[in-house]
Structure formats: C-alpha cells, structure tokens
C-alpha atoms as a PDB file:
ATOM      1  CA  MET A   1      51.689 -18.621   7.701  1.00  0.00           C
ATOM      2  CA  ALA A   2      49.413 -17.858  11.004  1.00  0.00           C
ATOM      3  CA  THR A   3      51.994 -19.265  13.255  1.00  0.00           C
ATOM      4  CA  SER A   4      54.764 -17.530  11.834  1.00  0.00           C
ATOM      5  CA  LEU A   5      52.684 -14.268  12.125  1.00  0.00           C
ATOM      6  CA  ARG A   6      52.374 -14.703  15.708  1.00  0.00           C
ATOM      7  CA  ARG A   7      55.769 -15.528  16.317  1.00  0.00           C
ATOM      8  CA  GLN A   8      57.004 -12.043  14.644  1.00  0.00           C
ATOM      9  CA  GLY A   9      54.506 -10.368  16.936  1.00  0.00           C
ATOM     10  CA  ASP A  10      52.451  -8.827  13.995  1.00  0.00           C
ATOM     11  CA  GLU A  11      49.359  -8.605  15.966  1.00  0.00           C
ATOM     12  CA  PRO A  12      47.487  -6.294  13.757  1.00  0.00           C
ATOM     13  CA  ALA A  13      48.023  -9.028  10.999  1.00  0.00           C
ATOM     14  CA  TRP A  14      46.701 -11.797  13.148  1.00  0.00           C
ATOM     15  CA  ARG A  15      43.749 -10.110  13.920  1.00  0.00           C
ATOM     16  CA  TRP A  16      42.696  -9.231  10.436  1.00  0.00           C
ATOM     17  CA  LEU A  17      43.665 -12.843   9.403  1.00  0.00           C
ATOM     18  CA  THR A  18      41.321 -14.259  12.132  1.00  0.00           C
ATOM     19  CA  SER A  19      38.792 -11.975  11.342  1.00  0.00           C
ATOM     20  CA  ALA A  20      38.518 -12.661   7.753  1.00  0.00           C
ATOM     21  CA  PRO A  21      36.124 -15.458   7.594  1.00  0.00           C
ATOM     22  CA  ALA A  22      33.690 -13.458   9.674  1.00  0.00           C
ATOM     23  CA  PHE A  23      34.125 -10.477   7.292  1.00  0.00           C
ATOM     24  CA  ALA A  24      33.640 -12.382   4.339  1.00  0.00           C
ATOM     25  CA  LEU A  25      30.577 -13.928   5.777  1.00  0.00           C
ATOM     26  CA  MET A  26      29.092 -10.642   6.541  1.00  0.00           C
ATOM     27  CA  LEU A  27      29.853  -9.414   3.233  1.00  0.00           C
ATOM     28  CA  ALA A  28      28.211 -12.404   1.477  1.00  0.00           C
ATOM     29  CA  LEU A  29      25.174 -12.056   3.559  1.00  0.00           C
ATOM     30  CA  GLY A  30      24.738  -8.670   4.423  1.00  0.00           C
ATOM     31  CA  VAL A  31      26.383  -5.980   2.376  1.00  0.00           C
ATOM     32  CA  LEU A  32      25.891  -7.885  -1.257  1.00  0.00           C
ATOM     33  CA  PRO A  33      22.197  -8.230  -1.037  1.00  0.00           C
ATOM     34  CA  LEU A  34      21.793  -4.355   0.167  1.00  0.00           C
ATOM     35  CA  LEU A  35      23.986  -3.461  -2.650  1.00  0.00           C
ATOM     36  CA  ASN A  36      21.647  -5.688  -5.162  1.00  0.00           C
ATOM     37  CA  LEU A  37      18.403  -3.956  -3.614  1.00  0.00           C
ATOM     38  CA  LEU A  38      19.982  -0.399  -4.341  1.00  0.00           C
ATOM     39  CA  ALA A  39      20.786  -1.548  -7.747  1.00  0.00           C
ATOM     40  CA  MET A  40      17.174  -2.822  -8.334  1.00  0.00           C
ATOM     41  CA  SER A  41      15.684   0.686  -7.094  1.00  0.00           C
ATOM     42  CA  PHE A  42      17.228   2.210 -10.119  1.00  0.00           C
ATOM     43  CA  ALA A  43      15.798  -0.201 -12.264  1.00  0.00           C
ATOM     44  CA  ASN A  44      12.640  -1.996 -13.709  1.00  0.00           C
ATOM     45  CA  VAL A  45      13.043  -5.745 -13.567  1.00  0.00           C
ATOM     46  CA  ALA A  46      11.043  -7.943 -15.874  1.00  0.00           C
ATOM     47  CA  TRP A  47      11.288 -11.821 -16.066  1.00  0.00           C
ATOM     48  CA  SER A  48      11.215 -13.568 -19.555  1.00  0.00           C
ATOM     49  CA  ASN A  49      11.965 -17.521 -20.002  1.00  0.00           C
ATOM     50  CA  GLY A  50      13.324 -17.677 -16.349  1.00  0.00           C
ATOM     51  CA  ALA A  51      15.674 -14.840 -17.157  1.00  0.00           C
ATOM     52  CA  ALA A  52      15.755 -11.324 -15.051  1.00  0.00           C
ATOM     53  CA  THR A  53      15.920  -8.316 -17.654  1.00  0.00           C
ATOM     54  CA  TRP A  54      16.900  -4.899 -16.071  1.00  0.00           C
ATOM     55  CA  SER A  55      16.236  -1.492 -17.622  1.00  0.00           C
ATOM     56  CA  PHE A  56      17.987   1.484 -15.793  1.00  0.00           C
ATOM     57  CA  VAL A  57      15.183   4.023 -15.050  1.00  0.00           C
ATOM     58  CA  GLY A  58      17.405   6.452 -12.789  1.00  0.00           C
ATOM     59  CA  LEU A  59      15.294   8.260 -10.186  1.00  0.00           C
ATOM     60  CA  ALA A  60      11.717   7.373 -11.425  1.00  0.00           C
ATOM     61  CA  ASN A  61      11.038   4.617  -8.714  1.00  0.00           C
ATOM     62  CA  PHE A  62      11.624   6.989  -6.039  1.00  0.00           C
ATOM     63  CA  ARG A  63       9.738   9.661  -7.634  1.00  0.00           C
ATOM     64  CA  ALA A  64       7.023   7.047  -7.722  1.00  0.00           C
ATOM     65  CA  VAL A  65       7.397   6.024  -4.057  1.00  0.00           C
ATOM     66  CA  ALA A  66       6.921  10.023  -3.104  1.00  0.00           C
ATOM     67  CA  VAL A  67       3.489  10.178  -4.806  1.00  0.00           C
ATOM     68  CA  ASP A  68       2.278   6.260  -3.871  1.00  0.00           C
ATOM     69  CA  PRO A  69      -0.846   6.807  -1.507  1.00  0.00           C
ATOM     70  CA  LEU A  70      -0.330   3.431  -0.121  1.00  0.00           C
ATOM     71  CA  PHE A  71       2.978   4.225   0.776  1.00  0.00           C
ATOM     72  CA  ARG A  72       2.117   7.611   2.350  1.00  0.00           C
ATOM     73  CA  ALA A  73      -0.835   5.843   4.278  1.00  0.00           C
ATOM     74  CA  GLY A  74       1.857   3.233   5.276  1.00  0.00           C
ATOM     75  CA  ILE A  75       4.470   5.658   6.560  1.00  0.00           C
ATOM     76  CA  VAL A  76       1.632   7.235   8.693  1.00  0.00           C
ATOM     77  CA  ASN A  77       0.228   3.927  10.328  1.00  0.00           C
ATOM     78  CA  THR A  78       3.687   2.522  10.805  1.00  0.00           C
ATOM     79  CA  THR A  79       4.887   5.773  12.668  1.00  0.00           C
ATOM     80  CA  ILE A  80       1.742   5.592  14.977  1.00  0.00           C
ATOM     81  CA  PHE A  81       2.072   2.011  15.315  1.00  0.00           C
ATOM     82  CA  ALA A  82       5.798   2.083  16.596  1.00  0.00           C
ATOM     83  CA  ILE A  83       5.196   5.056  18.910  1.00  0.00           C
ATOM     84  CA  LEU A  84       2.135   3.723  20.665  1.00  0.00           C
ATOM     85  CA  ALA A  85       3.164  -0.011  20.767  1.00  0.00           C
ATOM     86  CA  VAL A  86       6.778   0.632  21.956  1.00  0.00           C
ATOM     87  CA  ALA A  87       5.483   3.329  24.434  1.00  0.00           C
ATOM     88  CA  GLY A  88       3.339   0.567  25.998  1.00  0.00           C
ATOM     89  CA  GLN A  89       5.571  -2.034  25.833  1.00  0.00           C
ATOM     90  CA  MET A  90       8.456  -0.197  27.378  1.00  0.00           C
ATOM     91  CA  ALA A  91       6.158   1.227  30.173  1.00  0.00           C
ATOM     92  CA  LEU A  92       4.806  -2.473  30.876  1.00  0.00           C
ATOM     93  CA  GLY A  93       8.084  -4.033  30.536  1.00  0.00           C
ATOM     94  CA  PHE A  94       9.532  -1.740  32.913  1.00  0.00           C
ATOM     95  CA  VAL A  95       6.639  -2.127  35.805  1.00  0.00           C
ATOM     96  CA  LEU A  96       6.946  -5.748  35.255  1.00  0.00           C
ATOM     97  CA  ALA A  97      10.909  -5.874  35.577  1.00  0.00           C
ATOM     98  CA  LEU A  98      10.664  -3.514  38.795  1.00  0.00           C
ATOM     99  CA  LEU A  99       8.209  -5.756  40.330  1.00  0.00           C
ATOM    100  CA  SER A 100       9.892  -9.151  39.358  1.00  0.00           C
ATOM    101  CA  SER A 101      13.001  -7.737  40.692  1.00  0.00           C
ATOM    102  CA  ARG A 102      11.550  -7.496  44.336  1.00  0.00           C
ATOM    103  CA  VAL A 103       9.825 -10.858  44.218  1.00  0.00           C
ATOM    104  CA  ARG A 104      11.919 -13.223  46.630  1.00  0.00           C
ATOM    105  CA  HIS A 105       9.864 -16.441  46.073  1.00  0.00           C
ATOM    106  CA  GLY A 106       8.671 -18.086  42.941  1.00  0.00           C
ATOM    107  CA  ARG A 107      10.721 -15.487  40.832  1.00  0.00           C
ATOM    108  CA  ILE A 108      11.173 -18.440  38.016  1.00  0.00           C
ATOM    109  CA  VAL A 109       7.477 -19.133  37.659  1.00  0.00           C
ATOM    110  CA  TYR A 110       6.707 -15.212  37.416  1.00  0.00           C
ATOM    111  CA  ARG A 111       9.452 -14.497  34.911  1.00  0.00           C
ATOM    112  CA  THR A 112       8.565 -17.736  32.717  1.00  0.00           C
ATOM    113  CA  VAL A 113       4.924 -16.750  32.716  1.00  0.00           C
ATOM    114  CA  PHE A 114       5.899 -13.029  31.643  1.00  0.00           C
ATOM    115  CA  ILE A 115       8.068 -14.350  28.606  1.00  0.00           C
ATOM    116  CA  LEU A 116       5.504 -16.956  27.256  1.00  0.00           C
ATOM    117  CA  PRO A 117       4.065 -14.709  24.581  1.00  0.00           C
ATOM    118  CA  ILE A 118       7.623 -13.928  22.889  1.00  0.00           C
ATOM    119  CA  LEU A 119       8.164 -17.749  22.522  1.00  0.00           C
ATOM    120  CA  LEU A 120       5.067 -18.418  20.456  1.00  0.00           C
ATOM    121  CA  PRO A 121       5.397 -18.319  16.539  1.00  0.00           C
ATOM    122  CA  GLY A 122       3.697 -15.360  14.639  1.00  0.00           C
ATOM    123  CA  ILE A 123       1.240 -17.555  12.970  1.00  0.00           C
ATOM    124  CA  VAL A 124      -0.067 -19.007  16.257  1.00  0.00           C
ATOM    125  CA  ILE A 125      -0.337 -15.586  17.728  1.00  0.00           C
ATOM    126  CA  GLY A 126      -2.121 -14.462  14.675  1.00  0.00           C
ATOM    127  CA  ALA A 127      -4.638 -17.391  14.672  1.00  0.00           C
ATOM    128  CA  ILE A 128      -5.175 -16.904  18.503  1.00  0.00           C
ATOM    129  CA  TRP A 129      -6.002 -13.203  18.308  1.00  0.00           C
ATOM    130  CA  LYS A 130      -8.287 -13.496  15.351  1.00  0.00           C
ATOM    131  CA  LEU A 131     -10.319 -15.946  17.474  1.00  0.00           C
ATOM    132  CA  ILE A 132     -10.456 -13.611  20.329  1.00  0.00           C
ATOM    133  CA  TYR A 133     -11.379 -10.423  18.104  1.00  0.00           C
ATOM    134  CA  ASN A 134     -14.054 -12.466  16.123  1.00  0.00           C
ATOM    135  CA  TYR A 135     -17.318 -10.389  16.165  1.00  0.00           C
ATOM    136  CA  ASP A 136     -19.754 -13.596  16.164  1.00  0.00           C
ATOM    137  CA  PHE A 137     -18.058 -16.008  18.801  1.00  0.00           C
ATOM    138  CA  GLY A 138     -14.807 -14.449  19.998  1.00  0.00           C
ATOM    139  CA  LEU A 139     -14.017 -14.462  23.587  1.00  0.00           C
ATOM    140  CA  ILE A 140     -14.322 -10.462  23.902  1.00  0.00           C
ATOM    141  CA  THR A 141     -17.451 -10.754  22.143  1.00  0.00           C
ATOM    142  CA  GLN A 142     -18.801 -13.431  24.799  1.00  0.00           C
ATOM    143  CA  LEU A 143     -17.527 -11.271  27.434  1.00  0.00           C
ATOM    144  CA  LEU A 144     -19.405  -8.327  26.214  1.00  0.00           C
ATOM    145  CA  ALA A 145     -22.482 -10.252  25.910  1.00  0.00           C
ATOM    146  CA  ALA A 146     -22.253 -11.645  29.538  1.00  0.00           C
ATOM    147  CA  PHE A 147     -22.591  -7.950  30.685  1.00  0.00           C
ATOM    148  CA  GLY A 148     -25.245  -7.057  28.095  1.00  0.00           C
ATOM    149  CA  LEU A 149     -23.126  -5.095  25.992  1.00  0.00           C
ATOM    150  CA  GLU A 150     -23.104  -5.075  21.882  1.00  0.00           C
ATOM    151  CA  PRO A 151     -20.067  -6.849  20.309  1.00  0.00           C
ATOM    152  CA  ILE A 152     -17.387  -4.606  18.622  1.00  0.00           C
ATOM    153  CA  ASP A 153     -15.960  -5.289  15.334  1.00  0.00           C
ATOM    154  CA  TRP A 154     -12.447  -4.901  16.454  1.00  0.00           C
ATOM    155  CA  LEU A 155     -10.824  -5.581  13.097  1.00  0.00           C
ATOM    156  CA  GLY A 156     -13.677  -4.492  10.663  1.00  0.00           C
ATOM    157  CA  GLN A 157     -13.891  -1.046  11.904  1.00  0.00           C
ATOM    158  CA  PRO A 158     -11.223   1.839  10.406  1.00  0.00           C
ATOM    159  CA  THR A 159     -11.157   3.298  13.823  1.00  0.00           C
ATOM    160  CA  MET A 160     -10.629   0.109  15.961  1.00  0.00           C
ATOM    161  CA  ALA A 161      -8.375  -2.181  13.554  1.00  0.00           C
ATOM    162  CA  LEU A 162      -4.838  -0.335  14.262  1.00  0.00           C
ATOM    163  CA  VAL A 163      -5.667  -0.125  17.723  1.00  0.00           C
ATOM    164  CA  SER A 164      -6.231  -3.654  17.774  1.00  0.00           C
ATOM    165  CA  VAL A 165      -3.198  -4.534  16.157  1.00  0.00           C
ATOM    166  CA  ILE A 166      -1.265  -2.303  18.534  1.00  0.00           C
ATOM    167  CA  LEU A 167      -2.684  -4.350  21.490  1.00  0.00           C
ATOM    168  CA  VAL A 168      -1.510  -7.366  20.206  1.00  0.00           C
ATOM    169  CA  ASP A 169       1.993  -6.031  19.512  1.00  0.00           C
ATOM    170  CA  ILE A 170       2.098  -4.794  22.966  1.00  0.00           C
ATOM    171  CA  TRP A 171       1.145  -8.620  24.233  1.00  0.00           C
ATOM    172  CA  HIS A 172       3.743  -9.870  21.840  1.00  0.00           C
ATOM    173  CA  TRP A 173       6.666  -7.887  22.372  1.00  0.00           C
ATOM    174  CA  THR A 174       6.427  -6.522  26.134  1.00  0.00           C
ATOM    175  CA  PRO A 175       8.418  -9.777  27.139  1.00  0.00           C
ATOM    176  CA  PHE A 176      11.403  -8.624  25.098  1.00  0.00           C
ATOM    177  CA  CYS A 177      11.455  -5.061  27.011  1.00  0.00           C
ATOM    178  CA  PHE A 178      10.879  -7.010  30.378  1.00  0.00           C
ATOM    179  CA  LEU A 179      13.885  -9.237  30.029  1.00  0.00           C
ATOM    180  CA  LEU A 180      16.370  -6.396  28.782  1.00  0.00           C
ATOM    181  CA  LEU A 181      14.985  -3.956  31.465  1.00  0.00           C
ATOM    182  CA  LEU A 182      15.247  -6.828  34.077  1.00  0.00           C
ATOM    183  CA  ALA A 183      18.705  -7.328  33.285  1.00  0.00           C
ATOM    184  CA  GLY A 184      19.351  -3.519  33.628  1.00  0.00           C
ATOM    185  CA  ILE A 185      17.866  -3.376  37.051  1.00  0.00           C
ATOM    186  CA  GLU A 186      19.283  -6.465  38.603  1.00  0.00           C
ATOM    187  CA  SER A 187      22.818  -4.938  37.292  1.00  0.00           C
ATOM    188  CA  LEU A 188      22.421  -1.753  39.224  1.00  0.00           C
ATOM    189  CA  PRO A 189      24.772  -1.343  42.434  1.00  0.00           C
ATOM    190  CA  GLN A 190      22.977  -2.263  45.530  1.00  0.00           C
ATOM    191  CA  ASP A 191      25.050   0.265  47.829  1.00  0.00           C
ATOM    192  CA  VAL A 192      23.130   3.085  46.316  1.00  0.00           C
ATOM    193  CA  TYR A 193      19.832   1.693  47.340  1.00  0.00           C
ATOM    194  CA  GLU A 194      21.113   0.576  50.960  1.00  0.00           C
ATOM    195  CA  ALA A 195      22.271   4.472  51.429  1.00  0.00           C
ATOM    196  CA  ALA A 196      19.068   5.724  50.280  1.00  0.00           C
ATOM    197  CA  GLU A 197      17.224   3.132  52.846  1.00  0.00           C
ATOM    198  CA  VAL A 198      19.492   4.654  55.407  1.00  0.00           C
ATOM    199  CA  ASP A 199      18.718   7.892  54.689  1.00  0.00           C
ATOM    200  CA  GLY A 200      14.814   7.524  54.672  1.00  0.00           C
ATOM    201  CA  VAL A 201      14.259   7.834  50.838  1.00  0.00           C
ATOM    202  CA  SER A 202      10.520   7.063  50.005  1.00  0.00           C
ATOM    203  CA  TRP A 203       9.841   4.565  47.017  1.00  0.00           C
ATOM    204  CA  TRP A 204       8.855   7.078  44.722  1.00  0.00           C
ATOM    205  CA  GLN A 205      11.986   9.305  45.273  1.00  0.00           C
ATOM    206  CA  GLU A 206      13.898   6.089  44.762  1.00  0.00           C
ATOM    207  CA  LEU A 207      12.435   5.406  41.535  1.00  0.00           C
ATOM    208  CA  VAL A 208      12.735   8.966  40.082  1.00  0.00           C
ATOM    209  CA  HIS A 209      15.821   9.884  41.558  1.00  0.00           C
ATOM    210  CA  ILE A 210      17.985   6.643  41.583  1.00  0.00           C
ATOM    211  CA  THR A 211      16.575   3.864  39.382  1.00  0.00           C
ATOM    212  CA  LEU A 212      15.661   6.120  36.322  1.00  0.00           C
ATOM    213  CA  PRO A 213      18.629   8.018  35.786  1.00  0.00           C
ATOM    214  CA  MET A 214      20.873   4.711  36.129  1.00  0.00           C
ATOM    215  CA  MET A 215      18.593   2.642  33.944  1.00  0.00           C
ATOM    216  CA  TRP A 216      18.516   5.269  31.361  1.00  0.00           C
ATOM    217  CA  PRO A 217      21.209   3.976  28.827  1.00  0.00           C
ATOM    218  CA  THR A 218      19.381   0.541  29.383  1.00  0.00           C
ATOM    219  CA  ILE A 219      15.996   2.133  28.555  1.00  0.00           C
ATOM    220  CA  ALA A 220      17.030   4.183  25.521  1.00  0.00           C
ATOM    221  CA  VAL A 221      18.876   1.127  23.875  1.00  0.00           C
ATOM    222  CA  THR A 222      15.757  -1.144  24.258  1.00  0.00           C
ATOM    223  CA  ALA A 223      13.350   1.449  23.035  1.00  0.00           C
ATOM    224  CA  ALA A 224      15.733   1.870  20.012  1.00  0.00           C
ATOM    225  CA  PHE A 225      15.768  -1.680  19.158  1.00  0.00           C
ATOM    226  CA  ARG A 226      11.923  -1.813  19.791  1.00  0.00           C
ATOM    227  CA  LEU A 227      11.432   0.793  17.541  1.00  0.00           C
ATOM    228  CA  VAL A 228      13.417  -0.559  14.701  1.00  0.00           C
ATOM    229  CA  LEU A 229      11.866  -3.769  15.032  1.00  0.00           C
ATOM    230  CA  ALA A 230       8.276  -2.351  15.226  1.00  0.00           C
ATOM    231  CA  PHE A 231       8.659   0.020  11.947  1.00  0.00           C
ATOM    232  CA  LYS A 232       9.318  -3.293  10.175  1.00  0.00           C
ATOM    233  CA  VAL A 233       5.960  -4.830  11.501  1.00  0.00           C
ATOM    234  CA  PHE A 234       4.599  -7.316   9.104  1.00  0.00           C
ATOM    235  CA  ASP A 235       3.217 -10.762  10.433  1.00  0.00           C
ATOM    236  CA  GLU A 236       0.474  -9.325  12.621  1.00  0.00           C
ATOM    237  CA  VAL A 237      -1.034  -6.976  10.100  1.00  0.00           C
ATOM    238  CA  TYR A 238      -0.847  -9.680   7.259  1.00  0.00           C
ATOM    239  CA  LEU A 239      -2.506 -12.299   9.640  1.00  0.00           C
ATOM    240  CA  LEU A 240      -5.112 -10.117  11.511  1.00  0.00           C
ATOM    241  CA  THR A 241      -6.195  -7.812   8.931  1.00  0.00           C
ATOM    242  CA  GLY A 242      -4.328  -7.696   5.590  1.00  0.00           C
ATOM    243  CA  GLY A 243      -3.717  -4.059   5.702  1.00  0.00           C
ATOM    244  CA  GLY A 244      -7.464  -3.331   5.771  1.00  0.00           C
ATOM    245  CA  PRO A 245     -10.146  -2.167   6.402  1.00  0.00           C
ATOM    246  CA  GLY A 246      -9.321   0.264   3.431  1.00  0.00           C
ATOM    247  CA  THR A 247      -5.873   1.328   4.337  1.00  0.00           C
ATOM    248  CA  ALA A 248      -6.540   1.598   8.368  1.00  0.00           C
ATOM    249  CA  THR A 249      -3.689  -0.880   9.020  1.00  0.00           C
ATOM    250  CA  GLU A 250      -1.849  -0.338   5.763  1.00  0.00           C
ATOM    251  CA  VAL A 251       2.077  -0.483   7.122  1.00  0.00           C
ATOM    252  CA  VAL A 252       5.417   0.174   5.111  1.00  0.00           C
ATOM    253  CA  SER A 253       6.380  -3.715   5.137  1.00  0.00           C
ATOM    254  CA  PHE A 254       3.014  -4.771   3.959  1.00  0.00           C
ATOM    255  CA  THR A 255       3.023  -2.302   1.111  1.00  0.00           C
ATOM    256  CA  ILE A 256       6.447  -3.469  -0.132  1.00  0.00           C
ATOM    257  CA  TYR A 257       5.150  -7.063   0.305  1.00  0.00           C
ATOM    258  CA  GLN A 258       2.301  -6.173  -2.335  1.00  0.00           C
ATOM    259  CA  ARG A 259       4.771  -4.299  -5.028  1.00  0.00           C
ATOM    260  CA  PHE A 260       7.232  -7.233  -4.702  1.00  0.00           C
ATOM    261  CA  PHE A 261       4.924 -10.389  -4.761  1.00  0.00           C
ATOM    262  CA  THR A 262       1.499  -9.061  -5.657  1.00  0.00           C
ATOM    263  CA  GLU A 263       2.180  -6.658  -8.275  1.00  0.00           C
ATOM    264  CA  ASP A 264       5.633  -8.077  -9.286  1.00  0.00           C
ATOM    265  CA  ARG A 265       7.151  -4.330  -9.222  1.00  0.00           C
ATOM    266  CA  VAL A 266      10.393  -5.231  -8.205  1.00  0.00           C
ATOM    267  CA  GLY A 267      11.976  -1.711  -8.772  1.00  0.00           C
ATOM    268  CA  LEU A 268       9.283   0.354  -6.912  1.00  0.00           C
ATOM    269  CA  GLY A 269       9.211  -2.441  -4.085  1.00  0.00           C
ATOM    270  CA  SER A 270      13.386  -1.956  -3.941  1.00  0.00           C
ATOM    271  CA  ALA A 271      13.069   1.993  -3.906  1.00  0.00           C
ATOM    272  CA  MET A 272      10.489   1.630  -1.019  1.00  0.00           C
ATOM    273  CA  SER A 273      12.812  -0.809   0.773  1.00  0.00           C
ATOM    274  CA  VAL A 274      15.742   1.624   0.471  1.00  0.00           C
ATOM    275  CA  ALA A 275      13.349   4.600   1.735  1.00  0.00           C
ATOM    276  CA  VAL A 276      12.533   2.427   4.769  1.00  0.00           C
ATOM    277  CA  ILE A 277      16.026   1.523   5.718  1.00  0.00           C
ATOM    278  CA  LEU A 278      17.095   5.595   5.439  1.00  0.00           C
ATOM    279  CA  VAL A 279      14.238   6.319   7.556  1.00  0.00           C
ATOM    280  CA  VAL A 280      14.968   3.430  10.173  1.00  0.00           C
ATOM    281  CA  GLY A 281      18.581   4.562  10.175  1.00  0.00           C
ATOM    282  CA  ALA A 282      17.768   7.871  11.083  1.00  0.00           C
ATOM    283  CA  LEU A 283      15.466   6.912  13.831  1.00  0.00           C
ATOM    284  CA  LEU A 284      18.442   4.851  15.281  1.00  0.00           C
ATOM    285  CA  ALA A 285      20.840   7.663  15.061  1.00  0.00           C
ATOM    286  CA  LEU A 286      18.469  10.156  16.798  1.00  0.00           C
ATOM    287  CA  ALA A 287      17.764   7.690  19.532  1.00  0.00           C
ATOM    288  CA  LEU A 288      21.678   7.081  19.957  1.00  0.00           C
ATOM    289  CA  ALA A 289      22.495  10.702  19.766  1.00  0.00           C
ATOM    290  CA  ALA A 290      19.921  11.511  22.380  1.00  0.00           C
ATOM    291  CA  ARG A 291      21.131   8.569  24.689  1.00  0.00           C
ATOM    292  CA  ARG A 292      24.562  10.052  24.521  1.00  0.00           C
ATOM    293  CA  ARG A 293      23.450  13.781  25.319  1.00  0.00           C
ATOM    294  CA  ALA A 294      21.121  12.380  28.147  1.00  0.00           C
ATOM    295  CA  ALA A 295      23.917   9.871  29.608  1.00  0.00           C
ATOM    296  CA  PRO A 296      25.704  11.403  32.879  1.00  0.00           C
ATOM    297  CA  ALA A 297      29.078  12.574  32.559  1.00  0.00           C
END
C-alpha cells in the first residue's frame, strides 16, 4: 500500500502514513495521561478493594486550590526560586561560554570540568550538599571555623534555607545554560568580529553591540527552557529541606507530591497540577512572544 501511494505521487498521504506511529506514541504517552489528569481534577478518587471509585465534584478541587495556604506559599517560593536561580545560571553560563570560546589550548579539559555537575544524579547532589551545609561538621562550617566565625544553619533557618537551595540549583544547572550558550556563541559569524577588530572596537563594545544582539534568540530560548524546568523543581527541595523549615522552601511540586502520595487527595493534587501546567504554559508563551518582539527584523 505504501509503495502504491508513493508511485501515485500522493506525498501528503505518504507523510501521514509514515508519521502515524510517532503520533500514536505521542498520543499514548502524552495526550492521554494529560486528559486523565484533567478528568481527575474534577473528581474525588477513592480506592476500595483495589479499585478506584470516582465521584464528580465539579470545580470544588480548583476552589480548594485557590485557598490552599501551602499552594500559595509554594507559588511564591517557586517564583522566587525560578527567577533567582535562572538569572544566576544564565549569567554564569554566559560568562563561562564566552571565556571558553576564547580558549585555544585545553578547551576540552575546561569544558569537561564545567559540565560535570549536570552529569551527577539528583540523589548524589542532595547527599553532597547536605554534607557541605551540615551545621556541625560541614565543609562550610569548617571553613568558617578556620577564620574564627560562627557556623550558620543554612538549611534550618527560614531566611537562609531557600537561598541555600537556589545556590545548589545554580551549581547543578549552570552547565546546561553553558552548553547551549556556548553552541550559540560558536555559531556566530566570524566575519563580523573580524570587521570589528579592523575598526578598533573595544571588547565591551563588541559584547554589547555585536555578541548580545546576535545571541538574543539563543539566550531567550535557553532562559525559557530553564524557567520551565526550574518551576518544576522537586528533587533538591525534597533531599535538602523537605519543604521546611515551616514553608520556607515549600514549592508547588513538593505540595503536589504531598497531596498525591502523603494525603492521598488525588483530585486536589490533579487540580494543582493543571494549575501549574497553565502557569508554566503562560510563562513559556510570554517568553516566546518577548523573543519574537525583540528579534531583529
């Protein structure tokens, strides 16, 4: 059948036929679970004798989300976390990419060292940094003691806990930004820089008037990807603070985890998940719109 379609020159039908398995897989693994999640957000789900019992409750779960104090705290903390962490990762990643692109000797060694944090599993990162932050014998405590300073309870103080998690996330995900930005820098046309060198342009003018404008699409896409991923942060909070102390590091992913698996409130957890999907989708749409408006004509 496929051969006859190709012989008849029916290219649209051939494209649909060859794309059908990919569409079916996407439907099975992506769309159907999302539809199931949306359906659960309008219901209460209870288990009895190994079977799920659904009861339709309309918008009750979404009204509960709107007044849930942990969810509101999670939204605030997640927003602060995403903005500060991504800003730090983008700034460090861009500086490292800029410097690495100018290295002529040993560049493989430098780049390998820079990307090491992203290769570590989340559980290993949590264990390493929990030991580093430890109040009694952590590396930071020992360094402070060497200078005669008092130790700091990084993960136990409400004012320091979220900052500590943000620093770990910056350390962990800066390599992601570094790799994408480095690829963007190395793809820039070199004749522009050669002309600027002939004209005697300083390195600052080159950065502001040449590199940054041409890198803006790459910067916007990288920041959008990282904002979406940062808004879904879970493992670092779970491993380092468990959302505490109090609600100092409560993030929406951890709140949803508690509703689903600790409290067994599947309907409420589903409604929270739908709300987060809408928020992340809106952020992504705004980022892409800003990229289109700022892109050179």
